[in-house]
Amino acid sequence: MRKPNNMTASSSKIKFVESEEEEDHEITSASSSEEEEEEEVERELANITFEDLQKARSDGSHFVYRKNSQEKKVGRANKNRPMEVSAKKPVSRFREVVQAPKRVVRDPRFESLCGNLDVEGFRKRYDFLFENNLPAEKEELKKQLKKTHDPNVIDELKKRISWIDKQLKFESTKSTDAAILAEHKKKEREAAKHGKRPFYLKNSEIRKQRLVEKYNKLKAAGKLESFLEKRRRKNAAKDHKYMPYRRPSNKQQN
């Protein structure tokens, strides 16, 4: 019957020893935290000039400074205890009360949800812009250019007309390239039916065929000579721009 009494006595002794050890640990941790705080304050005060120290001592602000430095230090006396946070710290004015869904921006050019771009279909659907709308707008702008005398309006009209010319030229080039490529694909499909290996047309070959077609059109319309003469004058002016000037001789200077 004495054995259980001995066991209970020993267990109570163990608990008492553990509580004492915890208290000792808390006391040592608290003292170490205080020492760390003092060291940190000394470290901060070491960088302050003597003049600032005198001013702080004269108006009593060094006590406030020490108090703030102690309030900034947040720690725990024991690692098993929860961290104590000061209730004097105000809550942020801007806080998220209702979580709104994040706005997702999608670019239709790079999204698989929007499908693939059909270049041929796009050109066929919006061909009326380059066939009817832009040429009509160009003629209307030319009429306005003849009537107005305001230099600012004239400048804006000229810019718009040049932009329309660039768009029409670019679209005509693209449509010509697309027609050349479509004709080549048609021929290659017919050749592939007879067992021939298909040949893929390069961009350089498309450019060559485009120039040949342009040459044939100008020759048929009788504008080939004027076009070549204009191109010669343009190339001559470009070469003359980079040509060095002749230095005057001594005879000419005298």
C-alpha atoms as a PDB file:
ATOM      1  CA  MET A   1       0.000   0.000   0.000  1.00  0.00           C
ATOM      2  CA  ARG A   2       2.968   2.346   0.407  1.00  0.00           C
ATOM      3  CA  LYS A   3       4.014   2.154  -3.237  1.00  0.00           C
ATOM      4  CA  PRO A   4       1.227   4.299  -4.702  1.00  0.00           C
ATOM      5  CA  ASN A   5       1.775   6.966  -2.006  1.00  0.00           C
ATOM      6  CA  ASN A   6       5.412   7.133  -2.941  1.00  0.00           C
ATOM      7  CA  MET A   7       4.465   7.444  -6.619  1.00  0.00           C
ATOM      8  CA  THR A   8       2.071  10.352  -6.000  1.00  0.00           C
ATOM      9  CA  ALA A   9       4.607  12.113  -3.835  1.00  0.00           C
ATOM     10  CA  SER A  10       7.279  11.717  -6.483  1.00  0.00           C
ATOM     11  CA  SER A  11       4.957  12.986  -9.235  1.00  0.00           C
ATOM     12  CA  SER A  12       4.037  16.063  -7.169  1.00  0.00           C
ATOM     13  CA  LYS A  13       7.729  16.718  -6.599  1.00  0.00           C
ATOM     14  CA  ILE A  14       8.404  16.441 -10.334  1.00  0.00           C
ATOM     15  CA  LYS A  15       5.589  18.914 -11.119  1.00  0.00           C
ATOM     16  CA  PHE A  16       6.854  21.325  -8.499  1.00  0.00           C
ATOM     17  CA  VAL A  17      10.380  21.112  -9.904  1.00  0.00           C
ATOM     18  CA  GLU A  18       9.079  21.667 -13.440  1.00  0.00           C
ATOM     19  CA  SER A  19       7.082  24.742 -12.376  1.00  0.00           C
ATOM     20  CA  GLU A  20      10.154  26.132 -10.626  1.00  0.00           C
ATOM     21  CA  GLU A  21      12.233  25.510 -13.745  1.00  0.00           C
ATOM     22  CA  GLU A  22       9.632  27.289 -15.893  1.00  0.00           C
ATOM     23  CA  GLU A  23       9.572  30.278 -13.544  1.00  0.00           C
ATOM     24  CA  ASP A  24      13.379  30.405 -13.533  1.00  0.00           C
ATOM     25  CA  HIS A  25      13.353  30.211 -17.341  1.00  0.00           C
ATOM     26  CA  GLU A  26      10.806  33.035 -17.552  1.00  0.00           C
ATOM     27  CA  ILE A  27      12.823  35.187 -15.149  1.00  0.00           C
ATOM     28  CA  THR A  28      16.046  34.593 -17.098  1.00  0.00           C
ATOM     29  CA  SER A  29      14.314  35.232 -20.430  1.00  0.00           C
ATOM     30  CA  ALA A  30      12.739  38.439 -19.077  1.00  0.00           C
ATOM     31  CA  SER A  31      16.081  39.629 -17.744  1.00  0.00           C
ATOM     32  CA  SER A  32      17.787  38.773 -21.027  1.00  0.00           C
ATOM     33  CA  SER A  33      15.100  40.660 -22.973  1.00  0.00           C
ATOM     34  CA  GLU A  34      15.588  43.684 -20.705  1.00  0.00           C
ATOM     35  CA  GLU A  35      19.336  43.513 -21.252  1.00  0.00           C
ATOM     36  CA  GLU A  36      18.791  43.339 -25.004  1.00  0.00           C
ATOM     37  CA  GLU A  37      16.493  46.376 -24.834  1.00  0.00           C
ATOM     38  CA  GLU A  38      19.078  48.325 -22.864  1.00  0.00           C
ATOM     39  CA  GLU A  39      21.793  47.372 -25.347  1.00  0.00           C
ATOM     40  CA  GLU A  40      19.604  48.440 -28.252  1.00  0.00           C
ATOM     41  CA  VAL A  41      18.858  51.803 -26.598  1.00  0.00           C
ATOM     42  CA  GLU A  42      22.583  52.332 -25.943  1.00  0.00           C
ATOM     43  CA  ARG A  43      23.326  51.472 -29.554  1.00  0.00           C
ATOM     44  CA  GLU A  44      20.758  54.002 -30.780  1.00  0.00           C
ATOM     45  CA  LEU A  45      21.953  56.698 -28.383  1.00  0.00           C
ATOM     46  CA  ALA A  46      25.573  56.197 -29.491  1.00  0.00           C
ATOM     47  CA  ASN A  47      24.761  57.736 -32.914  1.00  0.00           C
ATOM     48  CA  ILE A  48      23.093  60.862 -31.437  1.00  0.00           C
ATOM     49  CA  THR A  49      25.152  64.035 -31.177  1.00  0.00           C
ATOM     50  CA  PHE A  50      25.906  65.717 -27.854  1.00  0.00           C
ATOM     51  CA  GLU A  51      23.848  68.772 -28.810  1.00  0.00           C
ATOM     52  CA  ASP A  52      20.727  66.657 -29.429  1.00  0.00           C
ATOM     53  CA  LEU A  53      21.261  64.872 -26.133  1.00  0.00           C
ATOM     54  CA  GLN A  54      21.428  68.178 -24.258  1.00  0.00           C
ATOM     55  CA  LYS A  55      18.224  69.393 -25.888  1.00  0.00           C
ATOM     56  CA  ALA A  56      16.463  66.127 -25.042  1.00  0.00           C
ATOM     57  CA  ARG A  57      17.546  66.337 -21.420  1.00  0.00           C
ATOM     58  CA  SER A  58      16.495  69.995 -21.112  1.00  0.00           C
ATOM     59  CA  ASP A  59      12.892  69.455 -22.273  1.00  0.00           C
ATOM     60  CA  GLY A  60      12.505  65.903 -20.947  1.00  0.00           C
ATOM     61  CA  SER A  61      11.972  64.229 -24.326  1.00  0.00           C
ATOM     62  CA  HIS A  62      14.573  61.542 -23.595  1.00  0.00           C
ATOM     63  CA  PHE A  63      12.028  59.781 -21.349  1.00  0.00           C
ATOM     64  CA  VAL A  64       9.524  59.725 -24.220  1.00  0.00           C
ATOM     65  CA  TYR A  65      12.187  58.425 -26.582  1.00  0.00           C
ATOM     66  CA  ARG A  66      13.053  55.595 -24.183  1.00  0.00           C
ATOM     67  CA  LYS A  67       9.388  54.740 -23.761  1.00  0.00           C
ATOM     68  CA  ASN A  68       8.799  54.554 -27.512  1.00  0.00           C
ATOM     69  CA  SER A  69      11.830  52.338 -28.007  1.00  0.00           C
ATOM     70  CA  GLN A  70      10.505  49.968 -25.363  1.00  0.00           C
ATOM     71  CA  GLU A  71       7.036  49.913 -26.929  1.00  0.00           C
ATOM     72  CA  LYS A  72       8.480  49.000 -30.315  1.00  0.00           C
ATOM     73  CA  LYS A  73      10.084  45.880 -28.842  1.00  0.00           C
ATOM     74  CA  VAL A  74       7.513  43.087 -29.100  1.00  0.00           C
ATOM     75  CA  GLY A  75       8.445  39.732 -27.708  1.00  0.00           C
ATOM     76  CA  ARG A  76       7.425  36.827 -25.508  1.00  0.00           C
ATOM     77  CA  ALA A  77       8.668  35.948 -22.044  1.00  0.00           C
ATOM     78  CA  ASN A  78       8.224  32.292 -22.902  1.00  0.00           C
ATOM     79  CA  LYS A  79       8.068  30.632 -26.296  1.00  0.00           C
ATOM     80  CA  ASN A  80       4.952  28.679 -25.270  1.00  0.00           C
ATOM     81  CA  ARG A  81       2.995  31.860 -24.541  1.00  0.00           C
ATOM     82  CA  PRO A  82       1.128  33.860 -27.196  1.00  0.00           C
ATOM     83  CA  MET A  83       2.622  37.143 -28.386  1.00  0.00           C
ATOM     84  CA  GLU A  84       1.268  40.293 -26.713  1.00  0.00           C
ATOM     85  CA  VAL A  85       0.300  43.089 -29.090  1.00  0.00           C
ATOM     86  CA  SER A  86      -0.388  46.612 -27.903  1.00  0.00           C
ATOM     87  CA  ALA A  87      -4.023  47.747 -28.155  1.00  0.00           C
ATOM     88  CA  LYS A  88      -2.923  51.397 -28.513  1.00  0.00           C
ATOM     89  CA  LYS A  89      -1.835  50.892 -32.129  1.00  0.00           C
ATOM     90  CA  PRO A  90      -4.626  52.280 -34.377  1.00  0.00           C
ATOM     91  CA  VAL A  91      -6.232  50.108 -37.030  1.00  0.00           C
ATOM     92  CA  SER A  92      -5.420  51.014 -40.611  1.00  0.00           C
ATOM     93  CA  ARG A  93      -7.958  53.319 -42.218  1.00  0.00           C
ATOM     94  CA  PHE A  94      -7.807  51.526 -45.544  1.00  0.00           C
ATOM     95  CA  ARG A  95      -8.772  47.918 -45.014  1.00  0.00           C
ATOM     96  CA  GLU A  96     -10.520  45.457 -47.255  1.00  0.00           C
ATOM     97  CA  VAL A  97     -14.034  44.961 -45.852  1.00  0.00           C
ATOM     98  CA  VAL A  98     -15.539  43.089 -48.822  1.00  0.00           C
ATOM     99  CA  GLN A  99     -13.233  41.033 -50.996  1.00  0.00           C
ATOM    100  CA  ALA A 100     -13.961  42.070 -54.573  1.00  0.00           C
ATOM    101  CA  PRO A 101     -13.232  39.691 -57.444  1.00  0.00           C
ATOM    102  CA  LYS A 102      -9.969  40.381 -59.227  1.00  0.00           C
ATOM    103  CA  ARG A 103     -10.361  41.960 -62.657  1.00  0.00           C
ATOM    104  CA  VAL A 104      -8.794  39.797 -65.361  1.00  0.00           C
ATOM    105  CA  VAL A 105      -7.729  41.591 -68.545  1.00  0.00           C
ATOM    106  CA  ARG A 106      -7.577  39.437 -71.662  1.00  0.00           C
ATOM    107  CA  ASP A 107      -6.016  40.316 -74.989  1.00  0.00           C
ATOM    108  CA  PRO A 108      -8.030  38.708 -77.821  1.00  0.00           C
ATOM    109  CA  ARG A 109      -4.907  38.450 -79.975  1.00  0.00           C
ATOM    110  CA  PHE A 110      -3.255  35.958 -77.610  1.00  0.00           C
ATOM    111  CA  GLU A 111      -6.278  34.166 -76.099  1.00  0.00           C
ATOM    112  CA  SER A 112      -7.308  30.713 -77.244  1.00  0.00           C
ATOM    113  CA  LEU A 113     -10.877  31.441 -76.064  1.00  0.00           C
ATOM    114  CA  CYS A 114     -11.312  34.002 -78.842  1.00  0.00           C
ATOM    115  CA  GLY A 115     -10.310  31.550 -81.578  1.00  0.00           C
ATOM    116  CA  ASN A 116      -7.739  31.927 -84.343  1.00  0.00           C
ATOM    117  CA  LEU A 117      -7.522  34.895 -86.686  1.00  0.00           C
ATOM    118  CA  ASP A 118      -8.718  34.198 -90.216  1.00  0.00           C
ATOM    119  CA  VAL A 119      -6.696  36.678 -92.272  1.00  0.00           C
ATOM    120  CA  GLU A 120      -8.445  35.942 -95.557  1.00  0.00           C
ATOM    121  CA  GLY A 121     -11.890  36.163 -93.994  1.00  0.00           C
ATOM    122  CA  PHE A 122     -10.981  39.399 -92.230  1.00  0.00           C
ATOM    123  CA  ARG A 123      -9.749  40.949 -95.469  1.00  0.00           C
ATOM    124  CA  LYS A 124     -12.907  39.919 -97.313  1.00  0.00           C
ATOM    125  CA  ARG A 125     -15.236  41.235 -94.608  1.00  0.00           C
ATOM    126  CA  TYR A 126     -13.516  44.613 -94.282  1.00  0.00           C
ATOM    127  CA  ASP A 127     -12.547  45.068 -97.905  1.00  0.00           C
ATOM    128  CA  PHE A 128     -15.179  47.819 -98.277  1.00  0.00           C
ATOM    129  CA  LEU A 129     -13.021  50.131 -96.125  1.00  0.00           C
ATOM    130  CA  PHE A 130     -10.173  50.103 -98.665  1.00  0.00           C
ATOM    131  CA  GLU A 131     -12.375  49.885-101.745  1.00  0.00           C
ATOM    132  CA  ASN A 132     -14.976  52.557-100.955  1.00  0.00           C
ATOM    133  CA  ASN A 133     -14.636  54.416 -97.626  1.00  0.00           C
ATOM    134  CA  LEU A 134     -10.989  55.506 -97.617  1.00  0.00           C
ATOM    135  CA  PRO A 135     -10.907  56.646-101.288  1.00  0.00           C
ATOM    136  CA  ALA A 136     -14.131  58.623-100.765  1.00  0.00           C
ATOM    137  CA  GLU A 137     -12.691  60.210 -97.609  1.00  0.00           C
ATOM    138  CA  LYS A 138      -9.529  61.119 -99.506  1.00  0.00           C
ATOM    139  CA  GLU A 139     -11.508  62.939-102.201  1.00  0.00           C
ATOM    140  CA  GLU A 140     -13.521  64.816 -99.576  1.00  0.00           C
ATOM    141  CA  LEU A 141     -10.321  65.887 -97.790  1.00  0.00           C
ATOM    142  CA  LYS A 142      -8.867  67.177-101.057  1.00  0.00           C
ATOM    143  CA  LYS A 143     -11.947  69.341-101.584  1.00  0.00           C
ATOM    144  CA  GLN A 144     -11.640  70.738 -98.056  1.00  0.00           C
ATOM    145  CA  LEU A 145      -7.945  71.411 -98.654  1.00  0.00           C
ATOM    146  CA  LYS A 146      -8.735  73.641-101.632  1.00  0.00           C
ATOM    147  CA  LYS A 147     -11.323  75.676 -99.708  1.00  0.00           C
ATOM    148  CA  THR A 148      -9.518  76.332 -96.402  1.00  0.00           C
ATOM    149  CA  HIS A 149      -6.763  78.914 -95.768  1.00  0.00           C
ATOM    150  CA  ASP A 150      -5.968  78.098 -92.126  1.00  0.00           C
ATOM    151  CA  PRO A 151      -2.393  76.701 -91.899  1.00  0.00           C
ATOM    152  CA  ASN A 152      -3.255  74.442 -88.935  1.00  0.00           C
ATOM    153  CA  VAL A 153      -6.237  72.923 -90.731  1.00  0.00           C
ATOM    154  CA  ILE A 154      -4.172  72.486 -93.908  1.00  0.00           C
ATOM    155  CA  ASP A 155      -1.487  70.642 -91.925  1.00  0.00           C
ATOM    156  CA  GLU A 156      -4.047  68.300 -90.336  1.00  0.00           C
ATOM    157  CA  LEU A 157      -5.706  67.575 -93.698  1.00  0.00           C
ATOM    158  CA  LYS A 158      -2.354  66.784 -95.330  1.00  0.00           C
ATOM    159  CA  LYS A 159      -1.451  64.399 -92.509  1.00  0.00           C
ATOM    160  CA  ARG A 160      -4.761  62.599 -92.869  1.00  0.00           C
ATOM    161  CA  ILE A 161      -4.381  62.300 -96.641  1.00  0.00           C
ATOM    162  CA  SER A 162      -0.847  60.908 -96.310  1.00  0.00           C
ATOM    163  CA  TRP A 163      -2.100  58.376 -93.733  1.00  0.00           C
ATOM    164  CA  ILE A 164      -4.853  57.231 -96.117  1.00  0.00           C
ATOM    165  CA  ASP A 165      -2.305  56.851 -98.935  1.00  0.00           C
ATOM    166  CA  LYS A 166      -0.104  54.675 -96.720  1.00  0.00           C
ATOM    167  CA  GLN A 167      -3.029  52.477 -95.719  1.00  0.00           C
ATOM    168  CA  LEU A 168      -4.180  52.008 -99.324  1.00  0.00           C
ATOM    169  CA  LYS A 169      -0.640  51.228-100.496  1.00  0.00           C
ATOM    170  CA  PHE A 170      -0.066  48.734 -97.683  1.00  0.00           C
ATOM    171  CA  GLU A 171      -3.394  47.000 -98.305  1.00  0.00           C
ATOM    172  CA  SER A 172      -2.789  46.764-102.053  1.00  0.00           C
ATOM    173  CA  THR A 173       0.612  45.167-101.381  1.00  0.00           C
ATOM    174  CA  LYS A 174      -0.889  42.695 -98.933  1.00  0.00           C
ATOM    175  CA  SER A 175      -3.729  41.772-101.285  1.00  0.00           C
ATOM    176  CA  THR A 176      -1.260  41.239-104.142  1.00  0.00           C
ATOM    177  CA  ASP A 177       0.908  38.974-101.969  1.00  0.00           C
ATOM    178  CA  ALA A 178      -2.162  37.023-100.829  1.00  0.00           C
ATOM    179  CA  ALA A 179      -3.298  36.535-104.433  1.00  0.00           C
ATOM    180  CA  ILE A 180       0.175  35.318-105.463  1.00  0.00           C
ATOM    181  CA  LEU A 181       0.320  32.897-102.551  1.00  0.00           C
ATOM    182  CA  ALA A 182      -3.199  31.587-103.197  1.00  0.00           C
ATOM    183  CA  GLU A 183      -2.359  30.960-106.871  1.00  0.00           C
ATOM    184  CA  HIS A 184       0.848  29.158-105.895  1.00  0.00           C
ATOM    185  CA  LYS A 185      -0.990  26.961-103.375  1.00  0.00           C
ATOM    186  CA  LYS A 186      -3.565  26.055-105.980  1.00  0.00           C
ATOM    187  CA  LYS A 187      -0.864  24.931-108.404  1.00  0.00           C
ATOM    188  CA  GLU A 188       0.960  22.959-105.701  1.00  0.00           C
ATOM    189  CA  ARG A 189      -2.247  21.117-104.708  1.00  0.00           C
ATOM    190  CA  GLU A 190      -2.758  20.061-108.294  1.00  0.00           C
ATOM    191  CA  ALA A 191       0.882  18.924-108.507  1.00  0.00           C
ATOM    192  CA  ALA A 192       0.599  17.011-105.191  1.00  0.00           C
ATOM    193  CA  LYS A 193      -2.324  15.011-106.630  1.00  0.00           C
ATOM    194  CA  HIS A 194       0.035  13.698-109.305  1.00  0.00           C
ATOM    195  CA  GLY A 195       2.576  12.634-106.676  1.00  0.00           C
ATOM    196  CA  LYS A 196       4.908  15.613-106.816  1.00  0.00           C
ATOM    197  CA  ARG A 197       6.526  17.032-103.722  1.00  0.00           C
ATOM    198  CA  PRO A 198       5.051  20.427-102.690  1.00  0.00           C
ATOM    199  CA  PHE A 199       7.223  23.534-102.889  1.00  0.00           C
ATOM    200  CA  TYR A 200       6.669  26.295-100.327  1.00  0.00           C
ATOM    201  CA  LEU A 201       7.063  29.820-101.644  1.00  0.00           C
ATOM    202  CA  LYS A 202       9.486  32.121 -99.794  1.00  0.00           C
ATOM    203  CA  ASN A 203       8.885  35.780 -99.045  1.00  0.00           C
ATOM    204  CA  SER A 204      11.679  36.775-101.421  1.00  0.00           C
ATOM    205  CA  GLU A 205       9.983  34.872-104.267  1.00  0.00           C
ATOM    206  CA  ILE A 206       6.654  36.533-103.447  1.00  0.00           C
ATOM    207  CA  ARG A 207       8.383  39.935-103.605  1.00  0.00           C
ATOM    208  CA  LYS A 208       9.899  39.116-107.003  1.00  0.00           C
ATOM    209  CA  GLN A 209       6.563  38.028-108.441  1.00  0.00           C
ATOM    210  CA  ARG A 210       4.923  41.178-107.071  1.00  0.00           C
ATOM    211  CA  LEU A 211       7.495  43.362-108.870  1.00  0.00           C
ATOM    212  CA  VAL A 212       6.965  41.407-112.099  1.00  0.00           C
ATOM    213  CA  GLU A 213       3.210  41.959-111.884  1.00  0.00           C
ATOM    214  CA  LYS A 214       3.708  45.664-111.203  1.00  0.00           C
ATOM    215  CA  TYR A 215       6.031  45.911-114.200  1.00  0.00           C
ATOM    216  CA  ASN A 216       3.483  44.201-116.472  1.00  0.00           C
ATOM    217  CA  LYS A 217       0.653  46.466-115.250  1.00  0.00           C
ATOM    218  CA  LEU A 218       2.685  49.652-115.847  1.00  0.00           C
ATOM    219  CA  LYS A 219       3.739  48.438-119.293  1.00  0.00           C
ATOM    220  CA  ALA A 220       0.156  47.615-120.241  1.00  0.00           C
ATOM    221  CA  ALA A 221      -1.054  51.048-119.042  1.00  0.00           C
ATOM    222  CA  GLY A 222       1.789  52.897-120.830  1.00  0.00           C
ATOM    223  CA  LYS A 223       3.170  54.387-117.590  1.00  0.00           C
ATOM    224  CA  LEU A 224       6.384  52.384-117.464  1.00  0.00           C
ATOM    225  CA  GLU A 225       8.709  55.113-118.840  1.00  0.00           C
ATOM    226  CA  SER A 226       7.393  57.828-116.528  1.00  0.00           C
ATOM    227  CA  PHE A 227       7.695  55.472-113.548  1.00  0.00           C
ATOM    228  CA  LEU A 228      11.290  54.546-114.410  1.00  0.00           C
ATOM    229  CA  GLU A 229      12.234  58.210-114.944  1.00  0.00           C
ATOM    230  CA  LYS A 230      10.759  59.143-111.588  1.00  0.00           C
ATOM    231  CA  ARG A 231      12.663  56.309-109.921  1.00  0.00           C
ATOM    232  CA  ARG A 232      15.915  57.432-111.608  1.00  0.00           C
ATOM    233  CA  ARG A 233      15.520  60.987-110.323  1.00  0.00           C
ATOM    234  CA  LYS A 234      14.808  59.685-106.837  1.00  0.00           C
ATOM    235  CA  ASN A 235      17.900  57.449-106.821  1.00  0.00           C
ATOM    236  CA  ALA A 236      20.069  60.269-108.221  1.00  0.00           C
ATOM    237  CA  ALA A 237      18.919  62.630-105.466  1.00  0.00           C
ATOM    238  CA  LYS A 238      19.678  59.953-102.878  1.00  0.00           C
ATOM    239  CA  ASP A 239      23.180  59.408-104.299  1.00  0.00           C
ATOM    240  CA  HIS A 240      23.818  63.150-104.497  1.00  0.00           C
ATOM    241  CA  LYS A 241      22.968  63.491-100.816  1.00  0.00           C
ATOM    242  CA  TYR A 242      25.888  61.239 -99.813  1.00  0.00           C
ATOM    243  CA  MET A 243      28.320  62.527-102.461  1.00  0.00           C
ATOM    244  CA  PRO A 244      31.237  64.571-100.976  1.00  0.00           C
ATOM    245  CA  TYR A 245      31.648  68.168-102.133  1.00  0.00           C
ATOM    246  CA  ARG A 246      34.721  69.160-104.145  1.00  0.00           C
ATOM    247  CA  ARG A 247      37.159  71.348-102.266  1.00  0.00           C
ATOM    248  CA  PRO A 248      37.937  74.687-103.912  1.00  0.00           C
ATOM    249  CA  SER A 249      41.441  74.981-105.336  1.00  0.00           C
ATOM    250  CA  ASN A 250      43.924  77.734-104.547  1.00  0.00           C
ATOM    251  CA  LYS A 251      43.433  79.334-108.000  1.00  0.00           C
ATOM    252  CA  GLN A 252      39.707  79.716-107.440  1.00  0.00           C
ATOM    253  CA  GLN A 253      40.315  81.285-104.015  1.00  0.00           C
ATOM    254  CA  ASN A 254      42.681  83.879-105.508  1.00  0.00           C
END
